[in-house]
Amino acid sequence: MYDDENEQIARIERELAPRDDAGTISSGTVGRRAFLGTAAAVAATATTLTPSVASAAKNLAASPPAGFSPFNAPGKVVKVTKADSLQANKLYPKPDVAKEVLTKALTELTGKPDLVTAVQQFVHKDDIVVVKVNGIAQSQMATGKELVLPFVEAMIEGGIKPANITLLEQYAGFFNATRISAQNVPAGVKIATHANGNATMDERMIPGTGVRTKFVRWLTEATAAINFALVKDHSICGYTGALKNMTHGCSINPHDFHVHHASPQIALLYAQDVIKSRVRLCIADAFKVMANGGPLYKRPEFVKPHDSIYVSTDPVAIDTIGWEVVEKFRADFKLKTLTEEGREPAYIKAAADLGLGIHERSKIVLKEVTV
């Protein structure tokens, strides 16, 4: 049930919010005895991820089908905007608009002439594809079917067998919020939820965290992942977008990676071969932006239309831009910055330091298109 799952997430947030040495919830720096700091953890990871240590964990990196090289453009982000994109209920995008902006974004990113050909640059007909959606804020703000289903249909038209496509979310209630169902997906496409379980890989230690985890089988059994995220505030880590959608949305114990504002844990998790070798494309549904009160739908007054989507093969670059967007909205609302509130999403830079993408703003190419 939605309410039960929302309360569970709210409880986890309260219990795992960083606290100072007196036990009160911290608004900024973490005490000396707290989790290993971002810089130290990233440095430790760079040291520990040597061949001798890394070989202790079974290599679970995925490889593209023979002869196929997925399109990749580090540091490039495409934003496509269309005014008045939402339906009359102001909750969901208009179906024709969602497909139009998706097509424009992916053709601009790849240089290809149509949606199907553009999608074929990321996934091959022989791929096994998992599509990670996001519905934690429920139907008021989820990655909606209007954006996801045209991509799925384009994959199938491009030659991928429907049986080799799985749409995945953490809980059934979260998935239902996307309004994607067995009744509206193409015949044969699978729908799955994992409830922080159903992992077949061996448990592994995540270097730099002191915590072990597994990733769910729908990810480990796939050769490619498509990441449908949102542009949102997060009460623990400041910002939640492409990186966190995969790390905390596909592991069996995400709550164990929330301390110290989930930084650098998000970066360290994404750096695992299971994730970084599979994610081919990140799509941020930004028809609306949540500037405060996330990740649940607690403060609807801070959710406003943005009439846009963002696409990139670079999870760090797209999250850097998403964080920038949230800060602009926060400024419009006269809110403190995430840094001033002690919730700076430092994990984004940590991810760049681990080679997962580009964070330095001057090196990110943001192409903005209005249709």
Protein backbone atom coordinates (compact mmCIF):
# COMPACT_ATOMS: atom_id res chain seq x y z
CA MET A 1 0.00 0.00 0.00
CA TYR A 2 1.16 3.50 -0.82
CA ASP A 3 0.76 4.92 2.69
CA ASP A 4 2.59 2.01 4.30
CA GLU A 5 5.53 2.29 1.91
CA ASN A 6 5.70 6.06 2.26
CA GLU A 7 5.75 5.75 6.04
CA GLN A 8 8.51 3.17 5.76
CA ILE A 9 10.66 5.54 3.70
CA ALA A 10 9.88 8.43 6.04
CA ARG A 11 10.90 6.32 9.04
CA ILE A 12 14.14 5.31 7.36
CA GLU A 13 14.88 8.95 6.60
CA ARG A 14 14.32 9.96 10.22
CA GLU A 15 16.36 7.10 11.63
CA LEU A 16 19.29 7.51 9.27
CA ALA A 17 19.50 11.29 9.11
CA PRO A 18 23.05 12.28 10.14
CA ARG A 19 23.37 13.15 13.83
CA ASP A 20 25.99 15.04 15.75
CA ASP A 21 27.84 13.71 18.80
CA ALA A 22 24.93 14.69 21.03
CA GLY A 23 22.58 12.52 19.00
CA THR A 24 20.63 15.33 17.39
CA ILE A 25 20.03 15.49 13.66
CA SER A 26 22.93 17.32 12.11
CA SER A 27 22.42 20.25 9.76
CA GLY A 28 25.94 20.31 8.49
CA THR A 29 29.28 18.78 9.40
CA VAL A 30 29.56 15.27 10.75
CA GLY A 31 31.27 14.43 14.02
CA ARG A 32 34.76 12.92 14.14
CA ARG A 33 33.37 9.47 14.81
CA ALA A 34 30.96 9.59 11.89
CA PHE A 35 31.21 7.79 8.59
CA LEU A 36 34.47 8.03 6.63
CA GLY A 37 34.56 11.46 4.93
CA THR A 38 33.99 11.93 1.23
CA ALA A 39 37.53 12.77 0.19
CA ALA A 40 39.03 10.09 2.40
CA ALA A 41 36.60 7.45 1.18
CA VAL A 42 37.20 8.25 -2.46
CA ALA A 43 40.94 8.20 -1.87
CA ALA A 44 40.60 4.90 -0.04
CA THR A 45 38.59 3.48 -2.90
CA ALA A 46 41.19 4.51 -5.43
CA THR A 47 43.70 2.59 -3.34
CA THR A 48 41.58 -0.46 -2.59
CA LEU A 49 40.31 -0.99 -6.11
CA THR A 50 43.61 -2.51 -7.19
CA PRO A 51 43.56 -5.66 -9.31
CA SER A 52 44.48 -7.86 -6.34
CA VAL A 53 41.65 -6.54 -4.19
CA ALA A 54 39.09 -6.15 -6.93
CA SER A 55 39.63 -9.77 -7.95
CA ALA A 56 38.23 -10.83 -4.58
CA ALA A 57 34.77 -9.97 -5.92
CA LYS A 58 33.52 -11.87 -8.95
CA ASN A 59 33.64 -9.70 -12.05
CA LEU A 60 30.03 -8.93 -12.98
CA ALA A 61 30.68 -6.36 -15.69
CA ALA A 62 28.37 -6.62 -18.68
CA SER A 63 29.60 -6.44 -22.27
CA PRO A 64 27.61 -5.15 -25.26
CA PRO A 65 26.73 -7.68 -27.96
CA ALA A 66 29.64 -8.50 -30.27
CA GLY A 67 30.42 -5.73 -32.73
CA PHE A 68 28.18 -3.15 -31.00
CA SER A 69 29.57 0.01 -29.41
CA PRO A 70 26.89 1.98 -27.52
CA PHE A 71 26.79 5.72 -28.14
CA ASN A 72 28.65 7.63 -25.46
CA ALA A 73 29.15 11.38 -25.07
CA PRO A 74 30.81 12.26 -21.75
CA GLY A 75 29.88 15.71 -20.49
CA LYS A 76 27.09 16.28 -23.02
CA VAL A 77 23.56 16.94 -21.78
CA VAL A 78 20.56 17.82 -23.96
CA LYS A 79 17.59 19.67 -22.53
CA VAL A 80 14.36 19.90 -24.51
CA THR A 81 11.52 22.15 -23.39
CA LYS A 82 7.97 22.61 -24.58
CA ALA A 83 5.67 25.09 -22.88
CA ASP A 84 2.35 23.93 -21.48
CA SER A 85 3.51 20.32 -21.52
CA LEU A 86 1.30 19.08 -18.69
CA GLN A 87 -2.20 17.70 -18.89
CA ALA A 88 -5.09 19.64 -17.35
CA ASN A 89 -4.53 17.84 -14.04
CA LYS A 90 -0.97 19.31 -13.93
CA LEU A 91 0.32 15.91 -12.83
CA TYR A 92 1.31 14.15 -16.04
CA PRO A 93 2.74 15.25 -19.38
CA LYS A 94 0.58 15.17 -22.46
CA PRO A 95 1.38 11.91 -24.29
CA ASP A 96 2.09 13.55 -27.64
CA VAL A 97 4.33 16.16 -25.99
CA ALA A 98 6.28 13.56 -24.02
CA LYS A 99 7.03 11.58 -27.17
CA GLU A 100 7.91 14.74 -29.08
CA VAL A 101 10.42 16.00 -26.53
CA LEU A 102 11.90 12.52 -26.07
CA THR A 103 12.38 12.22 -29.83
CA LYS A 104 13.93 15.67 -30.08
CA ALA A 105 16.25 15.08 -27.12
CA LEU A 106 17.59 11.76 -28.37
CA THR A 107 17.96 12.86 -31.98
CA GLU A 108 19.84 15.96 -30.82
CA LEU A 109 22.07 13.85 -28.57
CA THR A 110 22.89 11.21 -31.19
CA GLY A 111 22.54 13.14 -34.45
CA LYS A 112 20.17 10.49 -35.79
CA PRO A 113 16.98 11.37 -37.69
CA ASP A 114 14.26 9.59 -35.72
CA LEU A 115 13.48 8.05 -32.35
CA VAL A 116 13.94 4.42 -33.32
CA THR A 117 17.32 4.99 -34.95
CA ALA A 118 18.42 7.13 -32.00
CA VAL A 119 17.41 4.43 -29.51
CA GLN A 120 19.34 1.87 -31.55
CA GLN A 121 22.53 3.79 -30.71
CA PHE A 122 22.15 2.74 -27.08
CA VAL A 123 20.72 -0.77 -27.23
CA HIS A 124 21.26 -3.64 -29.66
CA LYS A 125 18.65 -6.15 -30.77
CA ASP A 126 20.49 -8.83 -28.80
CA ASP A 127 20.64 -6.89 -25.54
CA ILE A 128 18.74 -7.83 -22.41
CA VAL A 129 17.49 -4.51 -21.13
CA VAL A 130 16.34 -3.36 -17.70
CA VAL A 131 14.56 -0.01 -17.54
CA LYS A 132 14.71 1.55 -14.07
CA VAL A 133 11.80 3.88 -13.35
CA ASN A 134 11.10 5.99 -10.24
CA GLY A 135 7.82 6.30 -8.37
CA ILE A 136 8.81 6.96 -4.76
CA ALA A 137 6.91 10.29 -4.68
CA GLN A 138 3.82 8.46 -5.90
CA SER A 139 1.68 9.49 -8.84
CA GLN A 140 2.00 13.21 -8.07
CA MET A 141 5.59 13.05 -9.31
CA ALA A 142 6.85 9.85 -10.92
CA THR A 143 8.59 8.95 -14.15
CA GLY A 144 5.38 8.64 -16.07
CA LYS A 145 4.23 6.19 -18.68
CA GLU A 146 3.95 8.99 -21.24
CA LEU A 147 7.75 9.26 -21.37
CA VAL A 148 8.80 5.68 -20.67
CA LEU A 149 6.50 3.76 -23.01
CA PRO A 150 7.58 5.53 -26.25
CA PHE A 151 11.16 4.55 -25.44
CA VAL A 152 10.13 0.93 -24.85
CA GLU A 153 8.14 0.88 -28.07
CA ALA A 154 11.12 2.30 -29.97
CA MET A 155 13.38 -0.44 -28.58
CA ILE A 156 10.97 -3.08 -29.84
CA GLU A 157 10.61 -1.43 -33.23
CA GLY A 158 14.40 -1.39 -33.37
CA GLY A 159 14.55 -5.15 -33.02
CA ILE A 160 14.70 -6.00 -29.32
CA LYS A 161 12.43 -8.83 -28.30
CA PRO A 162 9.76 -7.69 -25.81
CA ALA A 163 10.65 -10.66 -23.59
CA ASN A 164 14.15 -9.19 -23.22
CA ILE A 165 12.87 -5.94 -21.71
CA THR A 166 12.05 -5.56 -18.01
CA LEU A 167 10.68 -2.43 -16.34
CA LEU A 168 11.92 -2.32 -12.76
CA GLU A 169 11.15 -0.45 -9.55
CA GLN A 170 11.82 -1.02 -5.86
CA TYR A 171 8.27 -1.51 -4.52
CA ALA A 172 4.96 -2.33 -6.18
CA GLY A 173 3.44 0.89 -4.86
CA PHE A 174 6.25 2.91 -6.39
CA PHE A 175 5.85 1.12 -9.70
CA ASN A 176 2.09 1.62 -9.73
CA ALA A 177 2.69 5.35 -9.34
CA THR A 178 4.23 5.44 -12.83
CA ARG A 179 0.88 4.19 -14.16
CA ILE A 180 2.76 1.67 -16.26
CA SER A 181 0.98 -1.69 -16.11
CA ALA A 182 0.71 -5.05 -17.78
CA GLN A 183 -2.27 -3.63 -19.64
CA ASN A 184 -0.40 -0.79 -21.34
CA VAL A 185 3.10 -2.16 -21.99
CA PRO A 186 3.74 -3.93 -25.30
CA ALA A 187 2.89 -7.63 -25.12
CA GLY A 188 5.74 -9.65 -23.67
CA VAL A 189 7.47 -6.85 -21.80
CA LYS A 190 8.07 -7.76 -18.16
CA ILE A 191 7.26 -5.72 -15.07
CA ALA A 192 9.21 -6.38 -11.87
CA THR A 193 9.61 -5.06 -8.34
CA HIS A 194 12.23 -6.31 -5.92
CA ALA A 195 11.30 -4.99 -2.44
CA ASN A 196 15.01 -4.93 -1.53
CA GLY A 197 15.40 -8.59 -2.30
CA ASN A 198 15.69 -11.17 -5.08
CA ALA A 199 19.42 -10.89 -5.71
CA THR A 200 21.41 -13.87 -6.97
CA MET A 201 24.95 -12.45 -6.99
CA ASP A 202 27.38 -13.04 -4.15
CA GLU A 203 27.38 -10.45 -1.42
CA ARG A 204 30.24 -8.00 -1.84
CA MET A 205 31.93 -5.35 0.26
CA ILE A 206 31.68 -1.86 -1.21
CA PRO A 207 35.19 -0.42 -0.77
CA GLY A 208 35.30 2.74 1.28
CA THR A 209 31.97 2.11 3.05
CA GLY A 210 32.49 -0.88 5.32
CA VAL A 211 29.09 -2.15 4.13
CA ARG A 212 28.21 -5.22 2.08
CA THR A 213 25.42 -5.43 -0.45
CA LYS A 214 23.99 -7.22 -3.44
CA PHE A 215 22.37 -5.81 -6.56
CA VAL A 216 19.05 -7.27 -7.65
CA ARG A 217 18.96 -9.96 -10.29
CA TRP A 218 17.08 -7.96 -12.93
CA LEU A 219 20.12 -5.69 -13.08
CA THR A 220 22.76 -8.40 -12.92
CA GLU A 221 20.95 -10.49 -15.55
CA ALA A 222 20.71 -7.56 -17.96
CA THR A 223 23.34 -6.50 -20.46
CA ALA A 224 22.05 -2.91 -20.62
CA ALA A 225 20.19 -0.50 -18.36
CA ILE A 226 18.18 2.59 -19.22
CA ASN A 227 17.83 5.00 -16.30
CA PHE A 228 14.62 7.09 -16.04
CA ALA A 229 15.15 9.50 -13.15
CA LEU A 230 13.65 12.73 -11.81
CA VAL A 231 14.94 16.16 -10.75
CA LYS A 232 14.28 16.34 -7.02
CA ASP A 233 15.36 17.51 -3.62
CA HIS A 234 16.28 14.78 -1.13
CA SER A 235 16.16 15.22 2.64
CA ILE A 236 19.31 13.16 3.22
CA CYS A 237 21.61 13.59 0.21
CA GLY A 238 20.34 16.95 -1.05
CA TYR A 239 19.64 15.93 -4.63
CA THR A 240 18.36 12.70 -6.12
CA GLY A 241 18.64 12.00 -9.81
CA ALA A 242 20.33 9.55 -12.15
CA LEU A 243 23.09 8.26 -9.87
CA LYS A 244 20.89 7.52 -6.87
CA ASN A 245 18.07 6.05 -8.95
CA MET A 246 20.38 3.19 -9.83
CA THR A 247 22.38 2.77 -6.63
CA HIS A 248 19.61 2.93 -4.05
CA GLY A 249 16.95 1.66 -6.41
CA CYS A 250 18.73 -1.57 -7.34
CA SER A 251 20.43 -2.77 -4.14
CA ILE A 252 19.04 -4.91 -1.34
CA ASN A 253 19.94 -2.63 1.59
CA PRO A 254 19.81 0.99 0.38
CA HIS A 255 19.15 2.25 3.91
CA ASP A 256 22.66 1.15 4.90
CA PHE A 257 24.12 3.69 2.48
CA HIS A 258 22.36 6.81 3.78
CA VAL A 259 24.71 7.98 6.53
CA HIS A 260 26.91 11.04 5.99
CA HIS A 261 24.33 12.39 3.52
CA ALA A 262 24.86 9.25 1.39
CA SER A 263 28.14 10.70 0.22
CA PRO A 264 30.34 9.21 -1.09
CA GLN A 265 28.33 5.99 -0.88
CA ILE A 266 26.24 6.81 -3.96
CA ALA A 267 29.43 7.35 -5.95
CA LEU A 268 31.05 4.21 -4.58
CA LEU A 269 28.00 2.10 -5.39
CA TYR A 270 27.68 3.46 -8.91
CA ALA A 271 31.37 2.73 -9.47
CA GLN A 272 30.66 -0.97 -9.08
CA ASP A 273 30.97 -2.95 -12.32
CA VAL A 274 27.36 -4.11 -11.98
CA ILE A 275 26.02 -0.60 -12.52
CA LYS A 276 28.61 1.35 -14.48
CA SER A 277 29.03 -1.30 -17.18
CA ARG A 278 25.29 -1.51 -17.83
CA VAL A 279 23.79 1.98 -17.79
CA ARG A 280 23.75 3.18 -21.38
CA LEU A 281 21.48 6.23 -21.10
CA CYS A 282 20.05 8.53 -18.42
CA ILE A 283 16.76 10.35 -19.01
CA ALA A 284 15.56 12.89 -16.44
CA ASP A 285 11.82 13.51 -16.40
CA ALA A 286 11.75 17.20 -15.49
CA PHE A 287 8.26 18.10 -16.57
CA LYS A 288 8.10 19.10 -12.90
CA VAL A 289 10.88 19.86 -10.43
CA MET A 290 10.81 19.26 -6.67
CA ALA A 291 12.81 22.02 -4.98
CA ASN A 292 12.21 20.97 -1.37
CA GLY A 293 10.54 18.27 0.71
CA GLY A 294 11.87 15.28 -1.21
CA PRO A 295 12.17 12.48 -1.93
CA LEU A 296 8.51 11.92 -1.01
CA TYR A 297 5.68 14.25 -1.91
CA LYS A 298 5.61 16.05 1.45
CA ARG A 299 5.74 19.68 0.28
CA PRO A 300 3.71 20.07 -2.91
CA GLU A 301 4.04 23.84 -2.67
CA PHE A 302 7.69 23.39 -3.68
CA VAL A 303 6.89 21.34 -6.80
CA LYS A 304 6.58 23.43 -9.94
CA PRO A 305 6.37 22.78 -13.70
CA HIS A 306 9.62 22.83 -15.68
CA ASP A 307 8.20 21.50 -18.98
CA SER A 308 11.48 19.78 -19.88
CA ILE A 309 13.43 16.58 -20.07
CA TYR A 310 17.20 16.06 -19.95
CA VAL A 311 19.13 13.22 -21.59
CA SER A 312 22.77 12.16 -21.33
CA THR A 313 25.04 9.15 -21.32
CA ASP A 314 26.92 10.83 -18.44
CA PRO A 315 25.22 10.33 -15.05
CA VAL A 316 27.50 12.82 -13.33
CA ALA A 317 26.92 15.57 -15.86
CA ILE A 318 23.14 15.15 -15.89
CA ASP A 319 23.05 15.16 -12.07
CA THR A 320 25.27 18.25 -11.98
CA ILE A 321 22.76 20.03 -14.22
CA GLY A 322 19.82 18.67 -12.22
CA TRP A 323 21.31 19.95 -8.98
CA GLU A 324 21.76 23.34 -10.65
CA VAL A 325 18.08 23.35 -11.65
CA VAL A 326 16.96 22.51 -8.11
CA GLU A 327 19.10 25.36 -6.74
CA LYS A 328 17.51 27.80 -9.20
CA PHE A 329 14.06 26.74 -8.06
CA ARG A 330 15.12 27.01 -4.41
CA ALA A 331 16.33 30.54 -5.05
CA ASP A 332 12.97 31.40 -6.61
CA PHE A 333 11.30 30.09 -3.44
CA LYS A 334 13.71 32.13 -1.26
CA LEU A 335 15.09 28.92 0.26
CA LYS A 336 18.64 28.39 1.43
CA THR A 337 20.95 26.54 -0.92
CA LEU A 338 21.48 22.85 -0.28
CA THR A 339 25.02 23.66 0.83
CA GLU A 340 23.75 26.25 3.30
CA GLU A 341 21.33 23.66 4.68
CA GLY A 342 24.17 21.15 5.11
CA ARG A 343 22.81 18.86 2.41
CA GLU A 344 25.21 19.52 -0.45
CA PRO A 345 25.15 16.48 -2.77
CA ALA A 346 28.91 16.00 -2.56
CA TYR A 347 28.55 12.49 -3.95
CA ILE A 348 28.23 13.99 -7.45
CA LYS A 349 31.78 15.35 -7.38
CA ALA A 350 32.92 12.14 -5.71
CA ALA A 351 31.49 10.23 -8.67
CA ALA A 352 33.48 12.43 -11.03
CA ASP A 353 36.60 11.78 -8.97
CA LEU A 354 36.00 8.05 -9.53
CA GLY A 355 35.88 8.58 -13.28
CA LEU A 356 32.13 8.10 -13.66
CA GLY A 357 31.53 11.35 -15.53
CA ILE A 358 32.15 15.08 -15.69
CA HIS A 359 31.20 17.41 -12.85
CA GLU A 360 33.20 20.56 -13.62
CA ARG A 361 30.54 22.89 -15.00
CA SER A 362 32.81 24.56 -17.55
CA LYS A 363 33.43 21.17 -19.14
CA ILE A 364 29.76 20.18 -19.44
CA VAL A 365 28.09 20.99 -22.75
CA LEU A 366 24.41 21.70 -22.15
CA LYS A 367 22.43 21.97 -25.38
CA GLU A 368 19.04 23.59 -24.79
CA VAL A 369 16.27 23.22 -27.36
CA THR A 370 12.72 24.56 -27.30
CA VAL A 371 10.07 22.88 -29.43
